[in-house]
Amino acid sequence: MDTCRLPENASKCSGNNMECFMVLSTQAQKISIGILCGLFGTMCVFENSLVLYLILSSPGIRKKPSYLFIGSLALADILASVIFVCSFVNFHVFNAAGFSKEVFLLQLGGVNTSFSASLSSLLLTALDRYVSISRPSEYKLLMTRKRAWTALGVLWVTCATIASLPLLGWNCCVLDSACSELFPFVDDNYLSGWICLIVVLLGCIVYAYAHVLWRARQHVAYMEKHQAQAGKQNARMRMDVMLAKTLAMVLAVLTLCWSPVLALMIYSVFARLSDRLREAFAFCSTLCLLNSMVNPVIYALRSKELFSSLRRVFSRFRRQLKASEESPEAESTHKSSVIET
């Protein structure tokens, strides 16, 4: 096990080397990981699917660029949850190592694409709020649906291209270079580059939100001072402030959930990891699912439009359920069952 963790040994890329990355040594650890992945993954898929449904079923909501970006975030979280849970549990819990290098890199590329798209969607949302608060009079001209869809298309294509580079040849098998201690077949230089990309994205998001929240505080002070004269403009500012605070909470949760994983990735580039740290990395990886699960809860609690849409869906469901119970067919069925009894 100790020699398998060395990058120079991992660069041999033999089938047996896959077992060196199965760091869960006890049955209790495997059961814990399985329960966490099953719980977080199931809730994440359900909640984000509900968010997507609320956005797509509401014409007024899905026309707004802000909610197009939130929909992209929900879609990325769904894909990340499904791919991550299936591949992670299959590898670490059931110790399946019979698949090929290409299959593993394809799964890893899917997870990287989804996470990168999730983070990039947050960046687009931050930029959307930045424009909305910095240049409110020009917002509708600058942020159109066409530009929003174009930005989302470029986002997903770029994320998929970067994530597929190891599958296309940038891996330690083809290059005969040092492999990562955390991921089979992944070149250390590629992992360093991917980490730098994620750090840059996080830095851009933090900068954008810092400006948004600074302007939001100015808007709050303005509303308190000119509330009588502001009218509709005041309500619009209040909505922008609420959405800005909501997305800042999303960013805070994202940072808290992903910082342990990124810290261990950075450490693995410069030093060898002990068995304890590799096991800790496996458990910290489940925090990514927790982040994807918490995001929709924040939307439901903070977004009045999505919450109102959710209430309408539940009201419509209750009306349909009540109508089906009171229908003549239901009454006749009930009477026939009484007669038979």
Foldseek 3Di string as FASTA:
>chain_A
DVVLLFQLNLLQQDLVSLLLQLLDDDLVLLVVLLVLLVVLLVLLLVLLVLLLCLQVVDVVRVQDLLSVLVNQLSVLLNQLSVLCSVVLSCCRNVVDRPDHPLVQLVSQLSNQLSVQSNLVSLLVNLVLLLCCLVPVVCSPVVDGPVVSVVSSVVSSVVSSVLSCVLSVQQWSNNVVAGHFSNGRRHHLVSLVVSLVVSVVSLVSSVVSLVSSQVSLVVLVVVCVVCVPPCPPVNVVSVLSSLVSVLSVVLSVLVCVLCVLLSVLSVVRSPDRDDSVSSSVNSVSVSSSSVSSSCSSVSCCVRPPSSVVSVVVVVVVVVVVVVCVCPDPVNVVVVVVVVVVD
